[in-house]
């Protein structure tokens, strides 16, 4: 099951953080079709956010065709995204690189900017 972490200083709407974290879990294979998402109540208890925010995120995921709400049962994953399993050798290489970047004195924003620039160079817009 996915555990949501809300960063109130990120500038990203709370519901979008839930959507993005769910999408990431789907891409990494941490959530698979048939898996149940935490109930709105469970998310509210874990994150101290408004229940309507959770429901808005789940509606967005449903609109994208990633999950489906089953009345009285919960919200379930319909399909997965991407092909980058959490245990991929590429993930280990990236983790090693991130540790080296941190050791070299880069902060989180520096690493994000550098990684974003490399992504843009190697994955041109429209190359999805």
Protein backbone atom coordinates (compact mmCIF):
# COMPACT_ATOMS: atom_id res chain seq x y z
CA UNK A 1 0.00 0.00 0.00
CA UNK A 2 1.18 3.50 -0.77
CA UNK A 3 1.85 5.98 2.06
CA UNK A 4 1.40 9.59 1.04
CA UNK A 5 3.76 12.30 2.23
CA UNK A 6 2.57 15.88 1.91
CA UNK A 7 5.08 18.71 1.58
CA UNK A 8 3.22 21.86 2.50
CA UNK A 9 6.16 24.05 1.39
CA UNK A 10 6.47 22.58 -2.10
CA UNK A 11 4.05 24.96 -3.79
CA UNK A 12 2.31 21.95 -5.37
CA UNK A 13 -1.38 21.57 -4.54
CA UNK A 14 -1.97 18.84 -1.98
CA UNK A 15 -4.32 16.87 -4.21
CA UNK A 16 -1.71 16.95 -6.99
CA UNK A 17 0.92 15.59 -4.61
CA UNK A 18 -1.35 12.61 -3.98
CA UNK A 19 -1.93 12.15 -7.72
CA UNK A 20 1.80 12.40 -8.47
CA UNK A 21 2.79 10.01 -5.70
CA UNK A 22 0.20 7.49 -6.89
CA UNK A 23 1.47 7.81 -10.47
CA UNK A 24 5.03 7.31 -9.26
CA UNK A 25 4.03 4.18 -7.34
CA UNK A 26 2.34 2.89 -10.50
CA UNK A 27 5.44 3.59 -12.59
CA UNK A 28 7.70 1.84 -10.10
CA UNK A 29 5.46 -1.20 -9.81
CA UNK A 30 4.72 -0.51 -6.16
CA UNK A 31 1.02 -0.46 -7.05
CA UNK A 32 -0.46 -2.95 -9.48
CA UNK A 33 -3.89 -3.54 -10.98
CA UNK A 34 -6.26 -4.80 -8.31
CA UNK A 35 -4.42 -3.13 -5.42
CA UNK A 36 -6.55 -1.04 -3.10
CA UNK A 37 -5.61 2.56 -2.35
CA UNK A 38 -5.83 3.74 1.25
CA UNK A 39 -9.26 5.02 2.20
CA UNK A 40 -9.76 8.77 2.39
CA UNK A 41 -10.02 8.39 6.15
CA UNK A 42 -6.66 6.59 6.33
CA UNK A 43 -4.99 9.30 4.24
CA UNK A 44 -6.55 12.04 6.37
CA UNK A 45 -5.35 10.36 9.58
CA UNK A 46 -1.82 9.92 8.22
CA UNK A 47 -1.44 13.39 6.67
CA UNK A 48 -3.87 15.70 8.49
CA UNK A 49 -5.39 17.01 5.26
CA UNK A 50 -9.00 17.65 4.35
CA UNK A 51 -10.97 14.57 3.23
CA UNK A 52 -12.25 16.50 0.20
CA UNK A 53 -8.65 16.93 -0.95
CA UNK A 54 -8.14 13.17 -0.95
CA UNK A 55 -11.40 12.63 -2.79
CA UNK A 56 -10.42 15.25 -5.37
CA UNK A 57 -7.13 13.42 -5.98
CA UNK A 58 -8.88 10.06 -6.29
CA UNK A 59 -11.39 11.56 -8.74
CA UNK A 60 -8.52 12.88 -10.86
CA UNK A 61 -6.87 9.44 -10.86
CA UNK A 62 -10.21 7.94 -11.83
CA UNK A 63 -10.63 10.49 -14.62
CA UNK A 64 -7.21 9.42 -15.92
CA UNK A 65 -8.41 5.81 -15.94
CA UNK A 66 -5.82 4.70 -13.39
CA UNK A 67 -8.19 3.76 -10.58
CA UNK A 68 -11.84 2.93 -10.09
CA UNK A 69 -14.05 3.56 -7.09
CA UNK A 70 -16.20 0.62 -6.02
CA UNK A 71 -19.08 1.73 -3.86
CA UNK A 72 -18.69 0.43 -0.34
CA UNK A 73 -15.40 -1.33 -1.12
CA UNK A 74 -12.85 1.40 -1.82
CA UNK A 75 -10.70 2.64 -4.67
CA UNK A 76 -8.72 0.12 -6.70
CA UNK A 77 -5.93 0.35 -9.26
CA UNK A 78 -7.13 -0.35 -12.82
CA UNK A 79 -3.85 -0.11 -14.70
CA UNK A 80 -0.18 0.56 -14.22
CA UNK A 81 2.17 3.10 -15.78
CA UNK A 82 5.65 2.85 -17.22
CA UNK A 83 8.16 0.05 -16.97
CA UNK A 84 10.63 1.07 -14.27
CA UNK A 85 10.34 -1.47 -11.44
CA UNK A 86 11.54 -0.39 -8.02
CA UNK A 87 14.29 -3.03 -8.10
CA UNK A 88 15.66 -1.95 -11.50
CA UNK A 89 19.46 -1.82 -11.80
CA UNK A 90 18.98 1.69 -13.19
CA UNK A 91 17.43 2.75 -9.89
CA UNK A 92 20.51 1.52 -8.03
CA UNK A 93 22.76 3.48 -10.41
CA UNK A 94 20.64 6.59 -9.96
CA UNK A 95 20.70 6.20 -6.16
CA UNK A 96 24.49 5.92 -6.30
CA UNK A 97 24.67 9.05 -8.45
CA UNK A 98 22.40 10.93 -6.03
CA UNK A 99 24.61 9.96 -3.09
CA UNK A 100 27.69 11.19 -4.98
CA UNK A 101 25.94 14.45 -5.84
CA UNK A 102 25.04 14.95 -2.18
CA UNK A 103 28.60 14.18 -1.09
CA UNK A 104 29.84 16.69 -3.67
CA UNK A 105 27.79 19.37 -1.92
CA UNK A 106 24.76 19.66 -4.18
CA UNK A 107 21.46 20.25 -2.40
CA UNK A 108 18.09 18.79 -3.41
CA UNK A 109 17.20 21.73 -5.67
CA UNK A 110 20.60 21.57 -7.42
CA UNK A 111 20.15 17.86 -8.09
CA UNK A 112 16.58 18.36 -9.32
CA UNK A 113 17.70 21.14 -11.68
CA UNK A 114 20.61 19.10 -13.00
CA UNK A 115 18.50 15.99 -13.45
CA UNK A 116 15.72 18.00 -15.10
CA UNK A 117 18.19 19.49 -17.57
CA UNK A 118 19.55 16.04 -18.45
CA UNK A 119 16.01 14.71 -18.86
CA UNK A 120 15.14 17.58 -21.18
CA UNK A 121 18.26 16.90 -23.28
CA UNK A 122 17.57 13.17 -23.57
CA UNK A 123 13.76 13.14 -23.68
CA UNK A 124 12.62 15.99 -25.93
CA UNK A 125 9.08 17.25 -25.42
CA UNK A 126 6.57 15.01 -27.15
CA UNK A 127 8.91 12.00 -26.75
CA UNK A 128 6.68 10.12 -24.34
